[in-house]
């Protein structure tokens, strides 16, 4: 896209010069002879640059520059004059002029000024582009701006985003901690580098270790080739460790060394590999309690807990529900090609009063169902019945014979019940997607590899 320039001067010297040198190189050059017509043209054209003569027939260039500034126009102004006037130069620069040139121009001075203005235009266009992305629904736009709690967090995010500080995100399941991690990454200088997410609860210990740190060929049975770990894939960028408190203690020790030394050693490897990775971790558990009960290393906790962000639940920020309804309605209407999808006003009112035990994830799933299936009655029934379903569709816990659990600890019973519930959900989702594993992994919000592992573990192959 070419640069537009408006020249406001009585003699047309600058306009002629620009046309001769740059008229055929994508520059669009307009000319006005006095301040009155020049101001009208400025408001009409909003050019990228304006060359304004210090001595206009109907006004002083300094006063005119002040008027341009007060109009709030995003135009870079270069003042020009055929007379030497040092005090005028100083005054114009104070009023916001990008530069001041004396006629006739020396070619080198003119080119330096023009390049400076071009760079300023480029930066302003980049700012406008980024603002446009925000307005179109980036994570930043979705998360902030509609409640005091979130604006307070926004202030901290803005301060820490463009640093290498480790961040610990805390909050209930479904509050959008992964979106926060993405937002921090997008607001940093690492935004064009890899953003790698690892769910520490989705993989067993051995598999998680090889996923994080990689392995060398022959490190174990089946290691037929060398593989980089997630840390190496995130080199130069950001690694998001979700559900960090589910990580085995042995892996916690290894993670601590990586954070301290800035290097990772693959399984079976001899030489460490240097990495530059910003780590963001997240948990929905009371990590201090895990530290006290020796389930989480205190030294790793202090290493991660440089900045601690507590993400409020959706019921603590009900003023955001209407905005989220509109956001997800627009998003999934486009994604699933349902331009006529809508939310009845009475259901929207009930949603604003709902307690949202599943937080934003629960709301997002209801909106998917409304857009794809139009299941207004089903959504209303679930909300009214108070079922605590999240994005994986959990139902009621089945009853068991008490004798089935004799001789087992509460922890063992809990694990068994969890496995059974997970197996039922897996079977239901796979049936709903007609065994489309990729679609099922998206619905369950887990990686494709984790889904295959859980299918094998549940005996559903």
Protein backbone atom coordinates (compact mmCIF):
# COMPACT_ATOMS: atom_id res chain seq x y z
CA UNK A 1 0.00 0.00 0.00
CA UNK A 2 1.49 3.36 -1.08
CA UNK A 3 2.05 6.33 1.18
CA UNK A 4 -0.27 9.35 0.77
CA UNK A 5 1.22 12.83 1.15
CA UNK A 6 -0.46 16.24 1.29
CA UNK A 7 1.72 19.31 0.63
CA UNK A 8 0.40 22.65 1.93
CA UNK A 9 2.48 25.53 0.55
CA UNK A 10 1.85 28.51 -1.70
CA UNK A 11 4.62 28.01 -4.27
CA UNK A 12 4.27 24.24 -4.88
CA UNK A 13 8.04 23.67 -4.76
CA UNK A 14 7.85 20.69 -2.41
CA UNK A 15 4.93 19.12 -4.26
CA UNK A 16 6.76 19.36 -7.60
CA UNK A 17 9.90 17.88 -6.06
CA UNK A 18 7.99 14.93 -4.58
CA UNK A 19 6.14 14.26 -7.83
CA UNK A 20 9.36 14.25 -9.85
CA UNK A 21 11.24 11.92 -7.53
CA UNK A 22 8.52 9.68 -6.07
CA UNK A 23 5.38 10.16 -8.17
CA UNK A 24 5.93 6.89 -10.04
CA UNK A 25 6.94 4.83 -6.98
CA UNK A 26 3.56 4.30 -5.35
CA UNK A 27 3.35 7.65 -3.53
CA UNK A 28 0.07 9.60 -3.78
CA UNK A 29 0.76 13.32 -3.62
CA UNK A 30 -1.83 16.10 -3.25
CA UNK A 31 -1.28 19.89 -3.05
CA UNK A 32 -3.10 22.75 -1.32
CA UNK A 33 -2.01 26.39 -1.50
CA UNK A 34 -3.25 27.82 1.83
CA UNK A 35 -4.20 26.86 5.36
CA UNK A 36 -7.97 26.88 4.93
CA UNK A 37 -8.10 24.55 1.92
CA UNK A 38 -5.22 22.54 3.40
CA UNK A 39 -7.13 21.80 6.61
CA UNK A 40 -10.19 20.70 4.64
CA UNK A 41 -8.03 18.39 2.52
CA UNK A 42 -6.35 16.99 5.65
CA UNK A 43 -9.70 16.06 7.18
CA UNK A 44 -10.96 14.65 3.89
CA UNK A 45 -7.87 12.62 2.91
CA UNK A 46 -6.29 11.84 6.33
CA UNK A 47 -2.91 11.37 4.58
CA UNK A 48 0.00 9.47 6.09
CA UNK A 49 2.24 12.56 5.82
CA UNK A 50 1.85 16.32 5.42
CA UNK A 51 4.52 18.84 4.35
CA UNK A 52 3.40 22.25 5.68
CA UNK A 53 5.05 25.56 4.84
CA UNK A 54 5.87 27.74 7.81
CA UNK A 55 4.56 30.83 6.01
CA UNK A 56 1.08 30.30 4.52
CA UNK A 57 -0.88 33.10 2.83
CA UNK A 58 -3.73 33.01 5.35
CA UNK A 59 -2.07 31.69 8.54
CA UNK A 60 1.17 31.15 10.40
CA UNK A 61 2.43 27.59 9.99
CA UNK A 62 2.95 27.18 13.74
CA UNK A 63 -0.66 28.06 14.50
CA UNK A 64 -1.79 25.78 11.70
CA UNK A 65 0.32 22.90 13.10
CA UNK A 66 -1.32 23.40 16.50
CA UNK A 67 -4.75 23.24 14.86
CA UNK A 68 -3.82 20.02 13.05
CA UNK A 69 -2.61 18.50 16.34
CA UNK A 70 -5.83 19.48 18.13
CA UNK A 71 -7.93 17.77 15.44
CA UNK A 72 -6.41 14.44 16.48
CA UNK A 73 -5.42 13.49 12.93
CA UNK A 74 -2.97 10.57 12.59
CA UNK A 75 -0.77 12.44 10.14
CA UNK A 76 3.01 12.85 10.40
CA UNK A 77 3.85 16.51 9.81
CA UNK A 78 7.09 17.84 8.32
CA UNK A 79 7.45 21.63 8.41
CA UNK A 80 9.23 23.37 5.50
CA UNK A 81 10.46 26.93 5.02
CA UNK A 82 12.58 29.00 2.67
CA UNK A 83 13.84 31.18 5.54
CA UNK A 84 16.05 30.29 8.47
CA UNK A 85 14.24 30.65 11.79
CA UNK A 86 15.73 28.68 14.72
CA UNK A 87 13.03 29.65 17.23
CA UNK A 88 10.34 28.49 14.76
CA UNK A 89 12.12 25.14 14.36
CA UNK A 90 12.17 24.60 18.12
CA UNK A 91 8.54 25.62 18.52
CA UNK A 92 7.36 23.35 15.69
CA UNK A 93 9.18 20.34 17.13
CA UNK A 94 7.54 21.00 20.50
CA UNK A 95 4.15 21.10 18.78
CA UNK A 96 4.72 17.60 17.41
CA UNK A 97 6.35 18.06 14.00
CA UNK A 98 8.33 15.03 12.86
CA UNK A 99 11.06 17.18 11.24
CA UNK A 100 11.84 20.63 9.82
CA UNK A 101 13.38 21.18 6.36
CA UNK A 102 14.73 24.31 4.71
CA UNK A 103 14.10 24.97 1.01
CA UNK A 104 15.82 24.26 -1.28
CA UNK A 105 16.30 20.76 0.10
CA UNK A 106 19.57 18.92 0.10
CA UNK A 107 18.74 15.49 -1.41
CA UNK A 108 20.30 13.55 1.49
CA UNK A 109 18.42 15.56 4.15
CA UNK A 110 15.18 15.14 2.28
CA UNK A 111 15.61 11.35 1.95
CA UNK A 112 16.51 10.97 5.64
CA UNK A 113 13.35 12.85 6.62
CA UNK A 114 11.20 10.84 4.22
CA UNK A 115 12.57 7.50 5.49
CA UNK A 116 11.95 8.62 9.07
CA UNK A 117 8.36 9.44 8.18
CA UNK A 118 7.92 6.14 6.33
CA UNK A 119 9.09 4.20 9.39
CA UNK A 120 6.64 6.14 11.57
CA UNK A 121 3.83 5.35 9.13
CA UNK A 122 4.81 1.66 9.18
CA UNK A 123 4.71 1.56 12.98
CA UNK A 124 1.33 3.29 13.10
CA UNK A 125 -0.12 0.86 10.57
CA UNK A 126 1.18 -2.05 12.65
CA UNK A 127 -0.49 -0.60 15.74
CA UNK A 128 -3.77 -0.24 13.84
CA UNK A 129 -3.45 -3.84 12.60
CA UNK A 130 -2.92 -5.15 16.11
CA UNK A 131 -5.87 -3.13 17.40
CA UNK A 132 -7.99 -4.58 14.62
CA UNK A 133 -6.99 -8.12 15.62
CA UNK A 134 -7.95 -7.36 19.21
CA UNK A 135 -11.34 -6.02 18.11
CA UNK A 136 -11.96 -9.17 16.04
CA UNK A 137 -11.80 -11.38 19.12
CA UNK A 138 -8.25 -12.24 20.17
CA UNK A 139 -7.83 -13.85 23.61
CA UNK A 140 -6.87 -10.44 25.01
CA UNK A 141 -10.15 -8.92 23.86
CA UNK A 142 -12.14 -11.90 25.14
CA UNK A 143 -10.59 -11.92 28.61
CA UNK A 144 -10.37 -8.30 29.67
CA UNK A 145 -12.32 -5.10 29.94
CA UNK A 146 -15.72 -6.07 31.36
CA UNK A 147 -15.19 -6.49 35.09
CA UNK A 148 -12.97 -4.85 37.69
CA UNK A 149 -11.45 -8.19 38.71
CA UNK A 150 -10.32 -8.87 35.15
CA UNK A 151 -9.07 -5.31 34.58
CA UNK A 152 -6.89 -5.66 37.69
CA UNK A 153 -5.41 -8.85 36.21
CA UNK A 154 -5.03 -7.10 32.85
CA UNK A 155 -2.81 -4.48 34.50
CA UNK A 156 -0.49 -7.20 35.79
CA UNK A 157 -0.48 -9.06 32.45
CA UNK A 158 0.48 -5.86 30.61
CA UNK A 159 3.38 -5.36 33.04
CA UNK A 160 4.79 -8.89 32.90
CA UNK A 161 3.96 -10.04 29.36
CA UNK A 162 7.10 -8.78 27.64
CA UNK A 163 9.47 -10.28 30.22
CA UNK A 164 10.84 -13.77 30.83
CA UNK A 165 9.26 -14.01 34.28
CA UNK A 166 7.75 -17.41 35.11
CA UNK A 167 4.00 -17.19 35.73
CA UNK A 168 1.75 -19.45 37.79
CA UNK A 169 -1.93 -19.35 36.77
CA UNK A 170 -4.46 -20.54 39.31
CA UNK A 171 -8.19 -21.02 39.16
CA UNK A 172 -11.02 -23.50 38.90
CA UNK A 173 -11.28 -25.83 35.95
CA UNK A 174 -12.79 -24.12 32.93
CA UNK A 175 -11.87 -20.54 33.82
CA UNK A 176 -9.68 -20.16 30.72
CA UNK A 177 -6.16 -20.51 32.09
CA UNK A 178 -4.91 -21.68 28.69
CA UNK A 179 -6.32 -18.49 27.13
CA UNK A 180 -4.43 -16.45 29.70
CA UNK A 181 -1.22 -18.26 28.80
CA UNK A 182 -1.79 -17.59 25.10
CA UNK A 183 -2.55 -13.93 25.82
CA UNK A 184 0.66 -13.48 27.81
CA UNK A 185 2.56 -15.03 24.92
CA UNK A 186 0.83 -12.88 22.29
CA UNK A 187 1.59 -9.69 24.23
CA UNK A 188 5.31 -10.53 24.47
CA UNK A 189 8.25 -10.28 22.11
CA UNK A 190 7.98 -14.10 21.78
CA UNK A 191 4.58 -13.89 20.06
CA UNK A 192 6.00 -15.01 16.70
CA UNK A 193 7.85 -17.94 18.30
CA UNK A 194 6.39 -21.36 19.26
CA UNK A 195 3.68 -21.64 21.89
CA UNK A 196 3.71 -25.25 23.13
CA UNK A 197 1.09 -26.64 25.53
CA UNK A 198 1.58 -29.77 27.65
CA UNK A 199 -1.17 -31.22 29.84
CA UNK A 200 0.74 -32.87 32.67
CA UNK A 201 -2.34 -34.87 33.78
CA UNK A 202 -3.04 -36.39 30.38
CA UNK A 203 0.08 -38.54 30.13
CA UNK A 204 1.59 -41.20 32.44
CA UNK A 205 4.95 -40.44 34.07
CA UNK A 206 7.27 -42.19 31.58
CA UNK A 207 5.50 -40.85 28.52
CA UNK A 208 5.37 -37.32 29.97
CA UNK A 209 9.12 -37.43 30.66
CA UNK A 210 9.96 -38.35 27.06
CA UNK A 211 7.45 -35.78 25.76
CA UNK A 212 8.97 -32.97 27.82
CA UNK A 213 12.67 -33.74 27.51
CA UNK A 214 12.94 -35.91 24.38
CA UNK A 215 15.12 -38.98 23.92
CA UNK A 216 18.08 -40.31 21.98
CA UNK A 217 17.96 -43.27 19.65
CA UNK A 218 18.24 -46.50 21.65
CA UNK A 219 17.42 -44.83 24.98
CA UNK A 220 14.73 -47.47 25.60
CA UNK A 221 12.91 -50.25 23.78
CA UNK A 222 11.13 -48.75 20.82
CA UNK A 223 13.30 -45.58 20.64
CA UNK A 224 14.22 -46.15 16.99
CA UNK A 225 15.19 -42.52 16.38
CA UNK A 226 16.16 -39.35 18.24
CA UNK A 227 13.23 -37.17 19.21
CA UNK A 228 13.20 -33.59 20.50
CA UNK A 229 11.09 -32.87 23.57
CA UNK A 230 8.57 -30.11 24.09
CA UNK A 231 11.21 -27.87 25.68
CA UNK A 232 13.29 -27.99 22.52
CA UNK A 233 10.25 -27.44 20.32
CA UNK A 234 9.43 -24.35 22.40
CA UNK A 235 12.96 -22.94 22.15
CA UNK A 236 12.75 -19.17 21.73
CA UNK A 237 9.08 -19.23 22.66
CA UNK A 238 6.72 -20.22 25.47
CA UNK A 239 5.97 -23.57 27.14
CA UNK A 240 2.62 -23.86 28.93
CA UNK A 241 2.55 -26.61 31.57
CA UNK A 242 -1.12 -27.18 32.38
CA UNK A 243 -2.12 -29.05 35.57
CA UNK A 244 1.47 -28.84 36.83
CA UNK A 245 0.54 -30.31 40.25
CA UNK A 246 -0.19 -33.68 38.57
CA UNK A 247 3.48 -34.08 37.63
CA UNK A 248 5.36 -36.92 39.35
CA UNK A 249 7.91 -35.86 42.00
CA UNK A 250 10.84 -37.30 40.01
CA UNK A 251 9.87 -35.21 36.99
CA UNK A 252 9.47 -32.16 39.22
CA UNK A 253 13.14 -32.47 40.19
CA UNK A 254 14.18 -32.68 36.55
CA UNK A 255 11.97 -29.72 35.63
CA UNK A 256 13.56 -27.67 38.41
CA UNK A 257 17.04 -28.27 36.96
CA UNK A 258 15.84 -27.21 33.50
CA UNK A 259 14.43 -23.97 34.89
CA UNK A 260 17.58 -23.26 36.89
CA UNK A 261 20.18 -24.15 34.26
CA UNK A 262 18.41 -23.24 31.01
CA UNK A 263 19.34 -26.58 29.45
CA UNK A 264 17.68 -29.94 28.96
CA UNK A 265 19.10 -33.45 28.76
CA UNK A 266 17.27 -35.98 26.60
CA UNK A 267 16.62 -39.49 27.87
CA UNK A 268 19.73 -41.49 27.05
CA UNK A 269 21.58 -38.32 26.14
CA UNK A 270 25.07 -37.40 27.35
CA UNK A 271 25.37 -33.70 26.55
CA UNK A 272 22.78 -31.12 27.69
CA UNK A 273 21.05 -28.94 25.10
CA UNK A 274 20.75 -25.20 25.80
CA UNK A 275 17.25 -23.74 25.54
CA UNK A 276 15.60 -20.33 25.82
CA UNK A 277 12.04 -20.97 26.98
CA UNK A 278 9.57 -18.88 28.97
CA UNK A 279 7.50 -21.17 31.24
CA UNK A 280 3.89 -20.57 32.24
CA UNK A 281 2.33 -23.13 34.58
CA UNK A 282 -1.27 -23.64 35.68
CA UNK A 283 -3.16 -25.57 38.33
CA UNK A 284 -6.71 -25.84 39.68
CA UNK A 285 -5.53 -27.30 42.99
CA UNK A 286 -4.35 -25.79 46.26
CA UNK A 287 -0.64 -25.97 45.47
CA UNK A 288 0.42 -24.70 48.93
CA UNK A 289 -1.42 -27.64 50.49
CA UNK A 290 0.37 -30.01 48.08
CA UNK A 291 3.70 -28.48 49.15
CA UNK A 292 2.85 -29.03 52.84
CA UNK A 293 1.84 -32.65 52.25
CA UNK A 294 5.01 -33.30 50.19
CA UNK A 295 3.08 -33.93 46.96
CA UNK A 296 4.77 -30.98 45.28
CA UNK A 297 8.38 -29.83 45.69
CA UNK A 298 8.70 -26.60 47.62
CA UNK A 299 11.80 -25.49 45.65
CA UNK A 300 9.94 -25.94 42.35
CA UNK A 301 6.93 -24.09 43.77
CA UNK A 302 9.07 -21.07 44.65
CA UNK A 303 10.72 -21.24 41.23
CA UNK A 304 7.35 -21.18 39.46
CA UNK A 305 5.61 -18.77 41.78
CA UNK A 306 7.38 -15.59 40.61
CA UNK A 307 4.08 -14.05 39.49
CA UNK A 308 0.89 -15.65 40.80
CA UNK A 309 -2.38 -14.87 38.96
CA UNK A 310 -5.63 -16.08 40.53
CA UNK A 311 -8.23 -16.34 37.76
CA UNK A 312 -11.74 -15.66 39.16
CA UNK A 313 -14.56 -18.09 38.43
CA UNK A 314 -17.33 -17.01 36.08
CA UNK A 315 -19.81 -16.70 38.96
CA UNK A 316 -17.48 -14.05 40.44
CA UNK A 317 -17.75 -11.94 37.26
CA UNK A 318 -21.37 -12.36 36.08
CA UNK A 319 -21.24 -9.13 34.09
CA UNK A 320 -19.17 -10.99 31.48
CA UNK A 321 -21.78 -13.65 30.71
CA UNK A 322 -23.62 -11.59 28.08
CA UNK A 323 -20.38 -10.77 26.28
CA UNK A 324 -19.31 -14.43 26.29
CA UNK A 325 -22.70 -15.51 24.93
CA UNK A 326 -22.31 -13.07 22.02
CA UNK A 327 -18.68 -14.11 21.45
CA UNK A 328 -19.37 -17.86 21.31
CA UNK A 329 -22.55 -17.37 19.28
CA UNK A 330 -20.59 -15.45 16.65
CA UNK A 331 -17.62 -17.83 16.76
CA UNK A 332 -19.56 -21.07 16.34
CA UNK A 333 -22.11 -19.64 13.91
CA UNK A 334 -19.18 -19.01 11.57
CA UNK A 335 -17.31 -22.23 12.39
CA UNK A 336 -20.33 -24.50 11.87
CA UNK A 337 -21.96 -22.41 9.13
CA UNK A 338 -25.12 -21.65 11.13
CA UNK A 339 -25.81 -17.99 10.26
CA UNK A 340 -29.35 -18.16 11.69
CA UNK A 341 -28.31 -19.46 15.12
CA UNK A 342 -29.58 -17.42 18.07
CA UNK A 343 -30.19 -17.53 21.80
CA UNK A 344 -33.77 -16.83 22.97
CA UNK A 345 -33.93 -13.80 25.25
CA UNK A 346 -35.49 -15.77 28.12
CA UNK A 347 -32.71 -18.39 27.97
CA UNK A 348 -30.06 -15.64 27.86
CA UNK A 349 -31.64 -14.17 31.00
CA UNK A 350 -31.45 -17.57 32.72
CA UNK A 351 -27.80 -17.88 31.66
CA UNK A 352 -27.00 -14.55 33.29
CA UNK A 353 -28.45 -15.90 36.56
CA UNK A 354 -26.76 -19.33 36.34
CA UNK A 355 -24.00 -20.18 38.85
CA UNK A 356 -21.72 -21.76 36.18
CA UNK A 357 -20.00 -24.52 38.17
CA UNK A 358 -18.12 -25.45 34.98
CA UNK A 359 -17.14 -21.81 34.36
CA UNK A 360 -16.45 -20.53 30.84
CA UNK A 361 -16.00 -24.06 29.48
CA UNK A 362 -19.55 -24.98 30.55
CA UNK A 363 -20.95 -21.86 28.88
CA UNK A 364 -18.96 -22.53 25.72
CA UNK A 365 -20.32 -26.07 25.49
CA UNK A 366 -23.90 -24.91 25.91
CA UNK A 367 -23.34 -22.40 23.12
CA UNK A 368 -21.95 -25.11 20.83
CA UNK A 369 -25.07 -27.20 21.42
CA UNK A 370 -27.35 -24.24 20.81
CA UNK A 371 -25.60 -23.33 17.55
CA UNK A 372 -25.24 -26.85 16.14
CA UNK A 373 -28.39 -28.55 17.46
CA UNK A 374 -30.63 -25.66 18.49
CA UNK A 375 -31.19 -27.64 21.71
CA UNK A 376 -32.79 -24.85 23.74
CA UNK A 377 -34.91 -27.15 25.90
CA UNK A 378 -32.01 -29.50 26.62
CA UNK A 379 -29.73 -26.68 27.71
CA UNK A 380 -32.46 -25.20 29.87
CA UNK A 381 -33.15 -28.58 31.53
CA UNK A 382 -29.50 -29.10 32.38
CA UNK A 383 -29.19 -25.62 33.83
CA UNK A 384 -32.35 -25.95 35.87
CA UNK A 385 -31.54 -29.45 37.13
CA UNK A 386 -28.17 -28.25 38.38
CA UNK A 387 -26.19 -31.04 36.76
CA UNK A 388 -22.52 -30.29 37.01
CA UNK A 389 -21.51 -31.08 33.48
CA UNK A 390 -18.36 -29.70 31.97
CA UNK A 391 -17.11 -29.89 28.37
CA UNK A 392 -16.75 -33.72 28.69
CA UNK A 393 -20.47 -34.29 29.46
CA UNK A 394 -20.33 -35.93 32.90
CA UNK A 395 -23.64 -37.26 34.19
CA UNK A 396 -24.70 -38.77 37.51
CA UNK A 397 -22.32 -41.00 39.42
CA UNK A 398 -23.66 -44.59 39.36
CA UNK A 399 -24.41 -46.43 42.54
CA UNK A 400 -22.11 -49.24 43.69
CA UNK A 401 -22.44 -52.16 46.08
CA UNK A 402 -20.57 -51.11 49.27
CA UNK A 403 -18.98 -54.60 49.44
CA UNK A 404 -17.23 -53.80 46.16
CA UNK A 405 -14.98 -51.34 47.98
CA UNK A 406 -14.15 -53.41 51.07
CA UNK A 407 -10.43 -53.38 51.88
CA UNK A 408 -9.78 -50.34 49.68
CA UNK A 409 -8.70 -46.90 50.81
CA UNK A 410 -10.74 -43.81 49.92
CA UNK A 411 -8.00 -42.81 47.51
CA UNK A 412 -8.23 -46.17 45.70
CA UNK A 413 -12.03 -45.92 45.56
CA UNK A 414 -11.75 -42.41 44.15
CA UNK A 415 -9.34 -43.53 41.43
CA UNK A 416 -11.60 -46.45 40.48
CA UNK A 417 -14.67 -44.21 40.25
CA UNK A 418 -12.69 -41.70 38.20
CA UNK A 419 -11.55 -44.37 35.75
CA UNK A 420 -15.09 -45.70 35.35
CA UNK A 421 -16.53 -42.22 34.78
CA UNK A 422 -13.80 -41.43 32.27
CA UNK A 423 -14.43 -44.67 30.37
CA UNK A 424 -18.17 -43.89 30.12
CA UNK A 425 -17.48 -40.40 28.84
CA UNK A 426 -14.94 -41.66 26.30
CA UNK A 427 -17.41 -44.25 24.99
CA UNK A 428 -20.20 -41.67 24.76
CA UNK A 429 -18.09 -39.08 22.94
CA UNK A 430 -16.62 -41.65 20.54
CA UNK A 431 -20.12 -42.89 19.76
CA UNK A 432 -21.34 -39.33 19.19
CA UNK A 433 -18.44 -38.59 16.81
CA UNK A 434 -18.80 -42.01 15.10
CA UNK A 435 -15.27 -42.82 16.25
CA UNK A 436 -13.75 -39.75 14.65
CA UNK A 437 -10.80 -39.63 17.04
CA UNK A 438 -9.60 -36.18 15.94
CA UNK A 439 -13.05 -34.69 16.57
CA UNK A 440 -13.34 -36.57 19.87
CA UNK A 441 -9.99 -35.18 21.10
CA UNK A 442 -11.22 -31.66 20.30
CA UNK A 443 -14.49 -32.19 22.18
CA UNK A 444 -12.63 -33.58 25.19
CA UNK A 445 -9.98 -30.85 25.03
CA UNK A 446 -7.06 -33.29 25.11
CA UNK A 447 -4.32 -34.12 22.60
CA UNK A 448 -4.85 -36.81 19.96
CA UNK A 449 -2.03 -38.86 21.48
CA UNK A 450 -3.57 -38.63 24.96
CA UNK A 451 -6.93 -39.76 23.56
CA UNK A 452 -5.38 -42.89 21.98
CA UNK A 453 -3.69 -43.71 25.28
CA UNK A 454 -6.94 -43.33 27.24
CA UNK A 455 -8.83 -45.47 24.68
CA UNK A 456 -6.30 -48.28 25.17
CA UNK A 457 -6.35 -47.83 28.96
CA UNK A 458 -10.17 -48.04 29.03
CA UNK A 459 -10.17 -51.14 26.78
CA UNK A 460 -12.28 -49.43 24.13
CA UNK A 461 -10.13 -50.34 21.13
